Amino acid sequence: MPRSDSAGYARNTRDDVVDAALRILDQQGLPDLTMRHLAATLGVQPSALYWHFPNKQTLLAAVSDRIIAAARPLAAAAGDWQTGVRAEAAALHDALLAYKDGAEVVSSTLALGLGAGDLHRRLAAAIGVGGFDEKTTALAAETMVHFIVGHAFHRQQRIQADSLGAVAREHSLDREDPAVDTREPQAFDLGITLLVAGLDAQSRAAADR
């Protein structure tokens, strides 16, 4: 006998729903993360999910927040602000890559303005240690968010396409060439380093005027 919506609500908490959604995302990918599939996984009617989330986009926003929250916290600063920003950027990038299609989920959430705000807040906090004004800090953090999410999204798309054999041989990640596997991480590290160095150079130039 099917369980009632109220029974599904009582048995599954909001966190239970997000946990199940993350499992589906990681194991099967975003196309399979439907409300119907999620409800079946939890053993409830789809309508029971709406006790916690009014629509799928708000569910994905909660999933995005959970993905970002899993990023390792920035340790107490053991160097200059630039070291801290690079460490924070790397931690957030790793968090996006930790789940299949994680970057795509976070990107869509950011585009709709529904969540994933901790990406910007954490980067702004790290950049702010450098003593920049509020506007510069906010713009620099926004730029880094675009770079981090864009790079992670591109990398996950490449991994998925490569697994399907759809990537040209010379670009395949499983070629017998170690340089191919390290090129994208190196490009990410260089990109963040250039952004940080550019921010520092701009601030120095402004101070010398």
Protein backbone atom coordinates (compact mmCIF):
# COMPACT_ATOMS: atom_id res chain seq x y z
CA MET A 1 0.00 0.00 0.00
CA PRO A 2 1.55 3.37 -1.02
CA ARG A 3 2.63 5.61 1.82
CA SER A 4 0.81 8.89 2.19
CA ASP A 5 2.50 12.20 1.51
CA SER A 6 2.32 13.07 5.19
CA ALA A 7 4.02 9.79 6.10
CA GLY A 8 6.83 10.57 3.64
CA TYR A 9 7.21 14.03 5.14
CA ALA A 10 7.37 12.67 8.69
CA ARG A 11 9.92 9.99 7.86
CA ASN A 12 12.29 11.95 5.61
CA THR A 13 13.88 15.20 6.74
CA ARG A 14 15.14 17.93 4.46
CA ASP A 15 18.68 16.62 4.98
CA ASP A 16 17.54 13.10 4.03
CA VAL A 17 16.21 14.43 0.74
CA VAL A 18 19.44 16.32 -0.03
CA ASP A 19 21.53 13.26 0.92
CA ALA A 20 19.56 11.09 -1.49
CA ALA A 21 19.82 13.70 -4.22
CA LEU A 22 23.59 13.85 -3.81
CA ARG A 23 23.83 10.06 -4.10
CA ILE A 24 21.84 10.07 -7.33
CA LEU A 25 23.90 12.95 -8.69
CA ASP A 26 27.21 11.29 -7.91
CA GLN A 27 26.28 7.81 -9.07
CA GLN A 28 24.14 8.58 -12.11
CA GLY A 29 24.56 12.23 -12.98
CA LEU A 30 22.31 15.27 -13.25
CA PRO A 31 19.98 13.95 -16.01
CA ASP A 32 18.83 11.17 -13.66
CA LEU A 33 18.23 13.51 -10.74
CA THR A 34 14.49 13.94 -11.27
CA MET A 35 11.90 14.47 -8.57
CA ARG A 36 10.23 11.19 -9.55
CA HIS A 37 13.49 9.23 -9.30
CA LEU A 38 14.36 10.91 -6.01
CA ALA A 39 10.94 10.09 -4.57
CA ALA A 40 11.28 6.45 -5.63
CA THR A 41 14.71 6.29 -3.99
CA LEU A 42 13.21 7.57 -0.73
CA GLY A 43 10.14 5.34 -1.03
CA VAL A 44 7.62 8.18 -1.13
CA GLN A 45 5.26 9.81 -3.60
CA PRO A 46 6.82 12.74 -5.56
CA SER A 47 4.38 15.13 -3.87
CA ALA A 48 5.98 14.32 -0.51
CA LEU A 49 9.18 16.06 -1.62
CA TYR A 50 7.34 19.36 -1.89
CA TRP A 51 6.99 19.52 1.89
CA HIS A 52 10.68 20.41 1.84
CA PHE A 53 11.28 21.94 -1.60
CA PRO A 54 8.70 23.85 -3.65
CA ASN A 55 10.37 22.90 -6.92
CA LYS A 56 13.42 21.18 -8.39
CA GLN A 57 15.49 24.36 -8.62
CA THR A 58 15.27 24.97 -4.88
CA LEU A 59 16.32 21.35 -4.34
CA LEU A 60 19.33 21.85 -6.62
CA ALA A 61 20.16 25.03 -4.72
CA ALA A 62 20.31 23.02 -1.48
CA VAL A 63 22.43 20.39 -3.23
CA SER A 64 24.77 23.15 -4.44
CA ASP A 65 25.10 24.56 -0.93
CA ARG A 66 25.96 21.11 0.37
CA ILE A 67 28.61 20.57 -2.32
CA ILE A 68 30.30 23.86 -1.45
CA ALA A 69 30.02 23.27 2.29
CA ALA A 70 32.09 20.12 1.83
CA ALA A 71 35.10 22.18 0.74
CA ARG A 72 37.81 21.88 3.34
CA PRO A 73 37.92 24.99 5.53
CA LEU A 74 40.78 27.40 5.06
CA ALA A 75 43.39 26.83 7.74
CA ALA A 76 44.66 29.71 9.80
CA ALA A 77 46.76 31.92 7.56
CA ALA A 78 50.33 30.68 7.51
CA GLY A 79 51.56 33.13 4.90
CA ASP A 80 50.50 36.16 2.88
CA TRP A 81 46.95 36.79 1.64
CA GLN A 82 47.84 35.45 -1.79
CA THR A 83 48.64 32.03 -0.36
CA GLY A 84 45.31 32.05 1.44
CA VAL A 85 43.34 32.95 -1.69
CA ARG A 86 45.03 30.23 -3.74
CA ALA A 87 44.31 27.67 -1.01
CA GLU A 88 40.66 28.69 -0.77
CA ALA A 89 40.23 28.61 -4.54
CA ALA A 90 41.76 25.13 -4.71
CA ALA A 91 39.51 23.84 -1.92
CA LEU A 92 36.36 25.15 -3.62
CA HIS A 93 37.47 23.78 -6.99
CA ASP A 94 38.08 20.35 -5.46
CA ALA A 95 34.61 20.43 -3.88
CA LEU A 96 32.97 21.00 -7.27
CA LEU A 97 34.90 18.11 -8.78
CA ALA A 98 34.06 15.77 -5.90
CA TYR A 99 30.57 15.02 -7.28
CA LYS A 100 29.65 14.01 -10.80
CA ASP A 101 28.14 17.04 -12.56
CA GLY A 102 28.78 19.05 -9.40
CA ALA A 103 30.01 22.10 -11.29
CA GLU A 104 26.98 22.07 -13.60
CA VAL A 105 24.58 22.00 -10.64
CA VAL A 106 26.38 24.86 -8.91
CA SER A 107 26.61 26.86 -12.15
CA SER A 108 22.86 26.63 -12.75
CA THR A 109 22.14 27.61 -9.15
CA LEU A 110 24.40 30.65 -9.41
CA ALA A 111 22.82 31.69 -12.70
CA LEU A 112 19.38 31.71 -11.10
CA GLY A 113 20.57 33.46 -7.94
CA LEU A 114 19.11 30.73 -5.74
CA GLY A 115 22.15 29.66 -3.71
CA ALA A 116 25.83 28.69 -3.74
CA GLY A 117 26.61 32.08 -2.21
CA ASP A 118 29.35 30.61 -0.05
CA LEU A 119 31.57 30.40 -3.12
CA HIS A 120 31.65 34.19 -3.29
CA ARG A 121 31.66 34.74 0.47
CA ARG A 122 34.61 32.44 1.12
CA LEU A 123 36.69 33.92 -1.67
CA ALA A 124 35.81 37.47 -0.63
CA ALA A 125 36.86 36.70 2.95
CA ALA A 126 40.22 35.36 1.77
CA ILE A 127 40.80 38.29 -0.61
CA GLY A 128 39.76 40.78 2.07
CA VAL A 129 42.77 39.81 4.15
CA GLY A 130 44.80 41.72 1.56
CA GLY A 131 43.21 44.98 2.70
CA PHE A 132 41.35 45.78 -0.52
CA ASP A 133 38.30 48.01 -0.57
CA GLU A 134 34.87 46.41 -0.57
CA LYS A 135 34.15 46.97 -4.27
CA THR A 136 37.49 45.55 -5.41
CA THR A 137 37.12 42.56 -3.11
CA ALA A 138 33.62 41.79 -4.39
CA LEU A 139 34.62 42.10 -8.06
CA ALA A 140 37.73 39.98 -7.61
CA ALA A 141 35.74 37.28 -5.82
CA GLU A 142 33.10 37.29 -8.58
CA THR A 143 35.80 36.92 -11.24
CA MET A 144 37.33 33.97 -9.40
CA VAL A 145 33.92 32.33 -8.99
CA HIS A 146 33.45 32.41 -12.76
CA PHE A 147 36.91 30.98 -13.36
CA ILE A 148 36.61 28.23 -10.73
CA VAL A 149 33.14 27.07 -11.77
CA GLY A 150 33.93 27.35 -15.48
CA HIS A 151 37.13 25.35 -15.19
CA ALA A 152 35.49 22.63 -13.09
CA PHE A 153 32.54 22.43 -15.47
CA HIS A 154 34.85 22.09 -18.49
CA ARG A 155 36.91 19.41 -16.77
CA GLN A 156 33.86 17.35 -15.81
CA GLN A 157 32.48 17.61 -19.34
CA ARG A 158 35.81 16.38 -20.69
CA ILE A 159 35.89 13.46 -18.25
CA GLN A 160 32.35 12.43 -19.18
CA ALA A 161 32.96 12.75 -22.92
CA ASP A 162 36.24 10.87 -22.59
CA SER A 163 34.51 8.01 -20.79
CA LEU A 164 32.15 7.72 -23.77
CA GLY A 165 35.02 7.74 -26.24
CA ALA A 166 33.87 11.04 -27.73
CA VAL A 167 37.12 12.97 -27.24
CA ALA A 168 39.72 13.17 -30.00
CA ARG A 169 42.60 10.79 -29.37
CA GLU A 170 45.18 13.54 -28.91
CA HIS A 171 43.07 15.11 -26.16
CA SER A 172 41.94 11.95 -24.39
CA LEU A 173 42.68 11.80 -20.67
CA ASP A 174 43.62 8.13 -20.81
CA ARG A 175 46.40 8.51 -23.36
CA GLU A 176 49.72 7.07 -22.31
CA ASP A 177 51.02 10.55 -21.72
CA PRO A 178 51.19 11.76 -18.09
CA ALA A 179 51.27 15.36 -19.29
CA VAL A 180 47.65 15.12 -20.45
CA ASP A 181 46.43 14.22 -16.96
CA THR A 182 48.27 17.12 -15.32
CA ARG A 183 47.72 19.83 -17.91
CA GLU A 184 44.28 20.94 -16.72
CA PRO A 185 45.17 21.09 -13.00
CA GLN A 186 48.29 23.04 -13.91
CA ALA A 187 46.20 25.43 -16.01
CA PHE A 188 43.84 25.96 -13.07
CA ASP A 189 46.72 26.70 -10.68
CA LEU A 190 48.28 29.11 -13.15
CA GLY A 191 44.96 30.86 -13.76
CA ILE A 192 44.38 31.51 -10.06
CA THR A 193 47.99 32.62 -9.62
CA LEU A 194 47.61 35.11 -12.48
CA LEU A 195 44.36 36.47 -11.07
CA VAL A 196 45.92 36.93 -7.64
CA ALA A 197 49.07 38.51 -9.07
CA GLY A 198 47.01 40.85 -11.23
CA LEU A 199 44.95 41.95 -8.24
CA ASP A 200 48.12 42.62 -6.27
CA ALA A 201 49.70 44.56 -9.16
CA GLN A 202 46.58 46.68 -9.59
CA SER A 203 46.51 47.58 -5.91
CA ARG A 204 50.19 48.51 -5.94
CA ALA A 205 49.72 50.69 -9.00
CA ALA A 206 46.78 52.46 -7.35
CA ALA A 207 48.83 53.04 -4.21
CA ASP A 208 51.66 54.63 -6.23
CA ARG A 209 49.43 57.17 -7.94
